[in-house]
């Protein structure tokens, strides 16, 4: 499976879809229908992943803006661009396009600074947004994620912290007889023969000690632990570990006798306030994430059952309620 196929084939689920299925069936339907799509706005975690793990992909994925307006003016400019694109695709005469009217409509749509007179808004738009609009709409920026020079500089600072930290540096400066696989795409089947996919950031193979460590790199703003439970990273750890075991047995049989270490999240604060920190995921989290149970005082459905639910919804084409509610007709309060 190629990188493009991995992204586009939503009918083979991975961590992202199954974790959403655990929360809201309808959001998964939106993904499958192509309604929920990533915007051109920055996902800082993706920026760091690519700069750190697959730097050759940077130019094809990101466009560095030389002129990034303030948050408020960027919102105004983005709405202006959206309205202008709607005008263009409508087939209307481009010569009749009224820039000032479009600016004021964008202002009304997002509620931009009602205190200012119309003429002032137009003047400030031209001063603060014009260069940004030109850059964003040129062909070189098309279909790319927009980043500022500040974003890239900050990202490179964090990468330097990861590469020099006493606990994390070994993963990014591997010693002799260490093999590191990055962004490894694995498509495998569970015991019921159902397809699932994963793409671990790193697979750290120590040929000296015959061990394999699955790793994902995460940025966070406030608390990684809060994110761990909010975004259900325990599913990611369990699914990726299962995928790597399949890879060891079926793709790299010479690794079959190696020991699979606990899954690790290498974390770093997105502002660089705190040094990098490694979190290891305990076995009981992995077991609950796979087969279900109580985690952090909440009932968790295992990813294996979620995978069955996904294919049930896909086959039945029912997306209003969870499979459990369709089966039982109600939801039990826990």
Protein backbone atom coordinates (compact mmCIF):
# COMPACT_ATOMS: atom_id res chain seq x y z
CA UNK A 1 0.00 0.00 0.00
CA UNK A 2 1.45 3.37 -1.05
CA UNK A 3 1.29 6.54 1.05
CA UNK A 4 -1.44 7.95 -1.19
CA UNK A 5 -3.47 4.72 -1.03
CA UNK A 6 -3.08 4.68 2.76
CA UNK A 7 -4.60 8.17 3.01
CA UNK A 8 -7.34 7.70 0.45
CA UNK A 9 -8.59 4.18 1.28
CA UNK A 10 -10.96 4.95 4.15
CA UNK A 11 -12.75 1.59 3.84
CA UNK A 12 -9.79 -0.09 5.53
CA UNK A 13 -9.87 1.54 8.96
CA UNK A 14 -7.00 2.43 11.25
CA UNK A 15 -6.63 4.09 14.64
CA UNK A 16 -8.10 7.39 13.47
CA UNK A 17 -11.40 5.94 12.24
CA UNK A 18 -11.82 3.39 15.04
CA UNK A 19 -11.17 5.99 17.76
CA UNK A 20 -13.82 8.23 16.16
CA UNK A 21 -16.21 5.28 15.89
CA UNK A 22 -15.92 4.82 19.66
CA UNK A 23 -17.28 8.36 20.08
CA UNK A 24 -19.64 9.12 17.20
CA UNK A 25 -20.71 6.82 14.37
CA UNK A 26 -21.87 9.76 12.24
CA UNK A 27 -18.42 11.34 12.17
CA UNK A 28 -17.07 8.17 10.56
CA UNK A 29 -19.76 8.35 7.89
CA UNK A 30 -18.68 11.94 7.17
CA UNK A 31 -15.10 10.75 6.65
CA UNK A 32 -16.19 7.93 4.34
CA UNK A 33 -18.32 10.36 2.32
CA UNK A 34 -15.45 12.83 2.00
CA UNK A 35 -17.33 15.51 3.93
CA UNK A 36 -14.83 15.75 6.77
CA UNK A 37 -11.58 16.77 5.12
CA UNK A 38 -8.38 18.31 6.38
CA UNK A 39 -8.07 22.00 5.72
CA UNK A 40 -5.01 23.89 4.57
CA UNK A 41 -4.52 25.15 8.12
CA UNK A 42 -1.50 23.97 10.05
CA UNK A 43 -1.44 20.70 11.95
CA UNK A 44 1.72 21.28 13.96
CA UNK A 45 2.08 17.60 14.81
CA UNK A 46 2.13 16.72 11.11
CA UNK A 47 4.71 19.42 10.47
CA UNK A 48 6.99 18.02 13.15
CA UNK A 49 6.49 14.43 11.96
CA UNK A 50 7.52 15.28 8.42
CA UNK A 51 10.42 17.57 9.34
CA UNK A 52 11.70 14.93 11.76
CA UNK A 53 10.93 11.60 10.11
CA UNK A 54 10.44 12.15 6.36
CA UNK A 55 12.04 15.54 5.59
CA UNK A 56 12.13 14.85 1.83
CA UNK A 57 8.31 15.09 1.84
CA UNK A 58 8.28 18.61 3.27
CA UNK A 59 8.24 20.59 0.02
CA UNK A 60 5.44 18.46 -1.43
CA UNK A 61 3.28 18.87 1.68
CA UNK A 62 3.88 22.37 3.04
CA UNK A 63 4.17 25.87 1.66
CA UNK A 64 6.08 28.46 3.69
CA UNK A 65 4.34 31.82 3.68
CA UNK A 66 6.51 34.91 3.75
CA UNK A 67 3.53 37.05 4.82
CA UNK A 68 1.32 35.65 7.57
CA UNK A 69 -1.26 38.14 8.93
CA UNK A 70 -2.55 38.19 12.50
CA UNK A 71 -5.13 35.60 13.51
CA UNK A 72 -8.05 38.02 13.03
CA UNK A 73 -6.90 39.25 9.62
CA UNK A 74 -6.07 35.70 8.51
CA UNK A 75 -9.65 34.65 9.31
CA UNK A 76 -10.93 37.61 7.29
CA UNK A 77 -8.62 36.80 4.37
CA UNK A 78 -9.54 33.11 4.40
CA UNK A 79 -13.24 33.95 4.24
CA UNK A 80 -12.56 36.43 1.43
CA UNK A 81 -10.71 33.69 -0.50
CA UNK A 82 -13.58 31.25 0.07
CA UNK A 83 -16.14 33.74 -1.22
CA UNK A 84 -13.99 34.63 -4.21
CA UNK A 85 -13.62 30.94 -5.09
CA UNK A 86 -17.39 30.48 -4.87
CA UNK A 87 -17.80 33.41 -7.25
CA UNK A 88 -15.32 31.89 -9.70
CA UNK A 89 -16.91 28.43 -9.76
CA UNK A 90 -20.38 29.95 -10.19
CA UNK A 91 -19.47 30.89 -13.74
CA UNK A 92 -20.06 34.60 -13.14
CA UNK A 93 -18.15 37.17 -15.18
CA UNK A 94 -14.75 37.65 -13.49
CA UNK A 95 -14.60 41.23 -14.78
CA UNK A 96 -17.64 42.04 -12.66
CA UNK A 97 -16.14 40.76 -9.42
CA UNK A 98 -16.28 43.50 -6.78
CA UNK A 99 -13.32 43.11 -4.43
CA UNK A 100 -14.55 45.64 -1.86
CA UNK A 101 -18.01 44.10 -1.63
CA UNK A 102 -16.42 40.68 -1.15
CA UNK A 103 -14.22 42.03 1.67
CA UNK A 104 -17.25 43.49 3.43
CA UNK A 105 -19.26 40.28 2.97
CA UNK A 106 -16.37 38.31 4.47
CA UNK A 107 -16.28 40.80 7.34
CA UNK A 108 -20.00 40.28 7.99
CA UNK A 109 -19.75 36.48 7.75
CA UNK A 110 -17.09 36.16 10.45
CA UNK A 111 -18.10 39.16 12.58
CA UNK A 112 -14.82 41.00 12.05
CA UNK A 113 -14.48 44.14 14.27
CA UNK A 114 -17.91 45.78 13.98
CA UNK A 115 -16.48 49.01 15.42
CA UNK A 116 -14.64 49.88 12.19
CA UNK A 117 -16.12 51.77 9.28
CA UNK A 118 -16.39 49.89 5.97
CA UNK A 119 -13.71 52.05 4.34
CA UNK A 120 -11.33 51.34 7.23
CA UNK A 121 -11.87 47.59 6.95
CA UNK A 122 -11.17 47.68 3.21
CA UNK A 123 -8.03 49.79 3.75
CA UNK A 124 -6.72 47.51 6.52
CA UNK A 125 -7.52 44.40 4.48
CA UNK A 126 -5.38 45.68 1.61
CA UNK A 127 -2.55 46.58 4.01
CA UNK A 128 -2.62 43.38 6.07
CA UNK A 129 -4.04 40.67 3.82
CA UNK A 130 -3.27 41.45 0.20
CA UNK A 131 0.15 39.75 0.08
CA UNK A 132 -1.22 36.75 1.97
CA UNK A 133 -4.12 36.34 -0.47
CA UNK A 134 -1.74 36.50 -3.45
CA UNK A 135 0.57 33.86 -1.91
CA UNK A 136 -2.18 31.50 -0.82
CA UNK A 137 -3.89 31.50 -4.21
CA UNK A 138 -0.80 30.98 -6.34
CA UNK A 139 -0.14 27.61 -7.99
CA UNK A 140 2.85 26.75 -5.79
CA UNK A 141 0.69 26.82 -2.67
CA UNK A 142 -2.14 24.82 -4.23
CA UNK A 143 -3.23 21.77 -2.20
CA UNK A 144 -0.45 22.36 0.35
CA UNK A 145 -0.63 23.08 4.06
CA UNK A 146 0.33 26.66 4.84
CA UNK A 147 3.01 27.36 7.43
CA UNK A 148 4.83 30.47 8.55
CA UNK A 149 8.59 30.83 8.89
CA UNK A 150 7.95 31.05 12.65
CA UNK A 151 6.21 27.64 12.60
CA UNK A 152 9.14 26.04 10.78
CA UNK A 153 11.75 27.66 13.04
CA UNK A 154 9.88 26.53 16.17
CA UNK A 155 9.50 23.04 14.74
CA UNK A 156 13.23 22.78 14.02
CA UNK A 157 13.98 23.94 17.57
CA UNK A 158 11.82 21.13 18.96
CA UNK A 159 13.51 18.63 16.66
CA UNK A 160 16.90 19.75 17.96
CA UNK A 161 15.62 19.19 21.52
CA UNK A 162 14.54 15.65 20.60
CA UNK A 163 17.85 14.85 18.94
CA UNK A 164 19.98 16.11 21.82
CA UNK A 165 17.92 15.08 24.86
CA UNK A 166 19.60 12.47 27.05
CA UNK A 167 16.60 10.12 26.88
CA UNK A 168 15.36 10.57 23.31
CA UNK A 169 18.53 11.22 21.30
CA UNK A 170 19.29 7.52 20.75
CA UNK A 171 16.15 7.12 18.66
CA UNK A 172 17.18 9.85 16.23
CA UNK A 173 20.93 9.13 16.21
CA UNK A 174 20.94 5.32 16.05
CA UNK A 175 24.03 3.43 17.08
CA UNK A 176 25.65 0.57 15.16
CA UNK A 177 23.43 -2.41 14.41
CA UNK A 178 20.27 -0.41 15.11
CA UNK A 179 17.62 -0.24 12.39
CA UNK A 180 14.96 2.48 12.47
CA UNK A 181 11.92 2.25 10.20
CA UNK A 182 9.93 5.48 9.88
CA UNK A 183 6.30 5.92 8.81
CA UNK A 184 6.03 2.18 8.10
CA UNK A 185 2.73 1.36 6.41
CA UNK A 186 1.27 -1.97 7.57
CA UNK A 187 -1.97 -3.48 6.31
CA UNK A 188 -2.91 -6.62 8.21
CA UNK A 189 -5.87 -8.75 9.34
CA UNK A 190 -7.24 -9.53 12.77
CA UNK A 191 -8.04 -13.11 13.81
CA UNK A 192 -11.44 -12.84 12.10
CA UNK A 193 -9.77 -11.96 8.81
CA UNK A 194 -10.88 -8.32 8.83
CA UNK A 195 -8.56 -5.74 7.27
CA UNK A 196 -7.00 -2.96 9.33
CA UNK A 197 -4.06 -0.63 8.74
CA UNK A 198 -1.52 1.34 10.74
CA UNK A 199 1.47 3.59 10.19
CA UNK A 200 3.76 3.82 13.23
CA UNK A 201 6.06 6.83 13.29
CA UNK A 202 9.05 4.69 14.21
CA UNK A 203 9.93 1.04 14.63
CA UNK A 204 13.22 0.88 16.54
CA UNK A 205 14.91 -2.46 15.90
CA UNK A 206 17.85 -3.29 18.16
CA UNK A 207 19.70 -6.16 16.45
CA UNK A 208 22.20 -6.29 19.31
CA UNK A 209 19.62 -7.11 21.97
CA UNK A 210 17.01 -8.56 19.59
CA UNK A 211 14.27 -6.17 20.64
CA UNK A 212 11.75 -4.05 18.75
CA UNK A 213 10.23 -0.85 20.15
CA UNK A 214 7.16 0.71 18.51
CA UNK A 215 7.14 4.50 18.85
CA UNK A 216 4.89 7.43 18.07
CA UNK A 217 5.96 11.07 18.39
CA UNK A 218 3.38 13.42 19.90
CA UNK A 219 3.23 17.16 20.45
CA UNK A 220 0.95 18.63 23.10
CA UNK A 221 0.08 22.09 24.37
CA UNK A 222 -1.18 21.57 27.93
CA UNK A 223 -1.00 17.93 29.03
CA UNK A 224 -0.03 14.80 27.14
CA UNK A 225 -1.84 12.61 29.69
CA UNK A 226 -5.08 14.55 29.11
CA UNK A 227 -4.61 14.08 25.36
CA UNK A 228 -3.88 10.37 25.86
CA UNK A 229 -7.37 9.79 27.24
CA UNK A 230 -9.18 12.45 25.19
CA UNK A 231 -7.88 11.20 21.82
CA UNK A 232 -7.78 7.55 22.91
CA UNK A 233 -4.11 7.05 22.16
CA UNK A 234 -4.34 3.66 23.92
CA UNK A 235 -6.06 2.36 20.78
CA UNK A 236 -3.14 3.62 18.71
CA UNK A 237 -0.63 1.83 20.93
CA UNK A 238 -2.56 -1.46 20.81
CA UNK A 239 -3.32 -1.40 17.07
CA UNK A 240 0.22 -0.41 16.10
CA UNK A 241 1.74 -3.09 18.33
CA UNK A 242 -0.53 -5.73 16.77
CA UNK A 243 0.43 -4.50 13.30
CA UNK A 244 4.12 -4.72 14.10
CA UNK A 245 3.73 -8.28 15.41
CA UNK A 246 2.07 -9.19 12.10
CA UNK A 247 4.93 -7.47 10.24
CA UNK A 248 7.52 -9.42 12.25
CA UNK A 249 5.88 -12.75 11.48
CA UNK A 250 4.83 -12.22 7.87
CA UNK A 251 7.12 -9.64 6.28
CA UNK A 252 10.33 -9.91 8.29
CA UNK A 253 10.35 -13.50 9.63
CA UNK A 254 13.98 -13.04 10.68
CA UNK A 255 12.55 -10.78 13.43
CA UNK A 256 10.03 -13.38 14.66
CA UNK A 257 12.14 -14.31 17.69
CA UNK A 258 12.76 -10.69 18.72
CA UNK A 259 11.04 -9.31 21.84
CA UNK A 260 8.45 -6.59 21.27
CA UNK A 261 8.96 -3.90 23.90
CA UNK A 262 6.22 -1.77 25.43
CA UNK A 263 4.83 0.89 23.13
CA UNK A 264 6.41 4.32 23.64
CA UNK A 265 5.12 7.82 23.03
CA UNK A 266 7.92 10.34 22.66
CA UNK A 267 6.29 13.61 23.66
CA UNK A 268 7.30 17.24 23.42
CA UNK A 269 5.51 20.43 24.33
CA UNK A 270 4.55 22.33 21.17
CA UNK A 271 5.96 25.59 22.58
CA UNK A 272 9.17 24.00 23.87
CA UNK A 273 8.33 24.90 27.48
CA UNK A 274 9.29 21.47 28.79
CA UNK A 275 11.95 18.93 27.79
CA UNK A 276 10.96 15.81 25.83
CA UNK A 277 9.50 12.95 27.84
CA UNK A 278 8.95 9.28 27.00
CA UNK A 279 5.76 7.56 28.14
CA UNK A 280 5.59 3.76 28.07
CA UNK A 281 2.16 2.16 27.78
CA UNK A 282 1.60 -0.64 30.33
CA UNK A 283 0.38 -4.08 29.33
CA UNK A 284 -3.00 -3.71 31.04
CA UNK A 285 -3.76 -0.60 28.95
CA UNK A 286 -2.92 -2.58 25.83
CA UNK A 287 -5.15 -5.45 26.90
CA UNK A 288 -8.11 -3.16 27.68
CA UNK A 289 -7.61 -1.23 24.43
CA UNK A 290 -7.70 -4.55 22.55
CA UNK A 291 -10.41 -6.50 24.37
CA UNK A 292 -12.32 -3.92 26.42
CA UNK A 293 -12.60 -3.07 30.10
CA UNK A 294 -12.40 -0.15 32.51
CA UNK A 295 -9.76 2.51 31.88
CA UNK A 296 -9.48 5.81 33.75
CA UNK A 297 -12.84 4.98 35.41
CA UNK A 298 -14.58 4.63 32.05
CA UNK A 299 -15.80 1.64 30.10
CA UNK A 300 -13.69 1.11 26.97
CA UNK A 301 -14.66 -1.06 24.01
CA UNK A 302 -11.70 -2.96 22.56
CA UNK A 303 -10.44 -2.08 19.09
CA UNK A 304 -11.14 -5.65 17.91
CA UNK A 305 -14.85 -5.21 18.69
CA UNK A 306 -14.78 -1.72 17.15
CA UNK A 307 -13.32 -3.20 13.98
CA UNK A 308 -16.26 -5.60 13.81
CA UNK A 309 -18.63 -2.69 14.40
CA UNK A 310 -17.04 -0.72 11.57
CA UNK A 311 -17.54 -3.48 9.02
CA UNK A 312 -21.11 -4.05 10.28
CA UNK A 313 -21.95 -0.38 9.72
CA UNK A 314 -20.25 -0.49 6.32
CA UNK A 315 -22.21 -3.57 5.22
CA UNK A 316 -25.56 -2.48 6.66
CA UNK A 317 -25.05 1.19 5.70
CA UNK A 318 -26.54 2.33 9.01
CA UNK A 319 -24.87 5.35 10.58
CA UNK A 320 -27.39 7.13 12.80
CA UNK A 321 -26.73 5.07 15.95
CA UNK A 322 -24.03 2.73 17.19
CA UNK A 323 -24.30 -0.95 16.36
CA UNK A 324 -25.17 -1.68 20.01
CA UNK A 325 -28.21 0.59 19.87
CA UNK A 326 -29.39 -0.89 16.58
CA UNK A 327 -29.11 -4.35 18.19
CA UNK A 328 -30.60 -3.57 21.61
CA UNK A 329 -32.85 -0.59 20.93
CA UNK A 330 -31.44 1.39 23.88
CA UNK A 331 -28.25 2.58 25.60
CA UNK A 332 -27.54 1.58 29.20
CA UNK A 333 -26.41 4.30 31.61
CA UNK A 334 -23.14 3.25 33.23
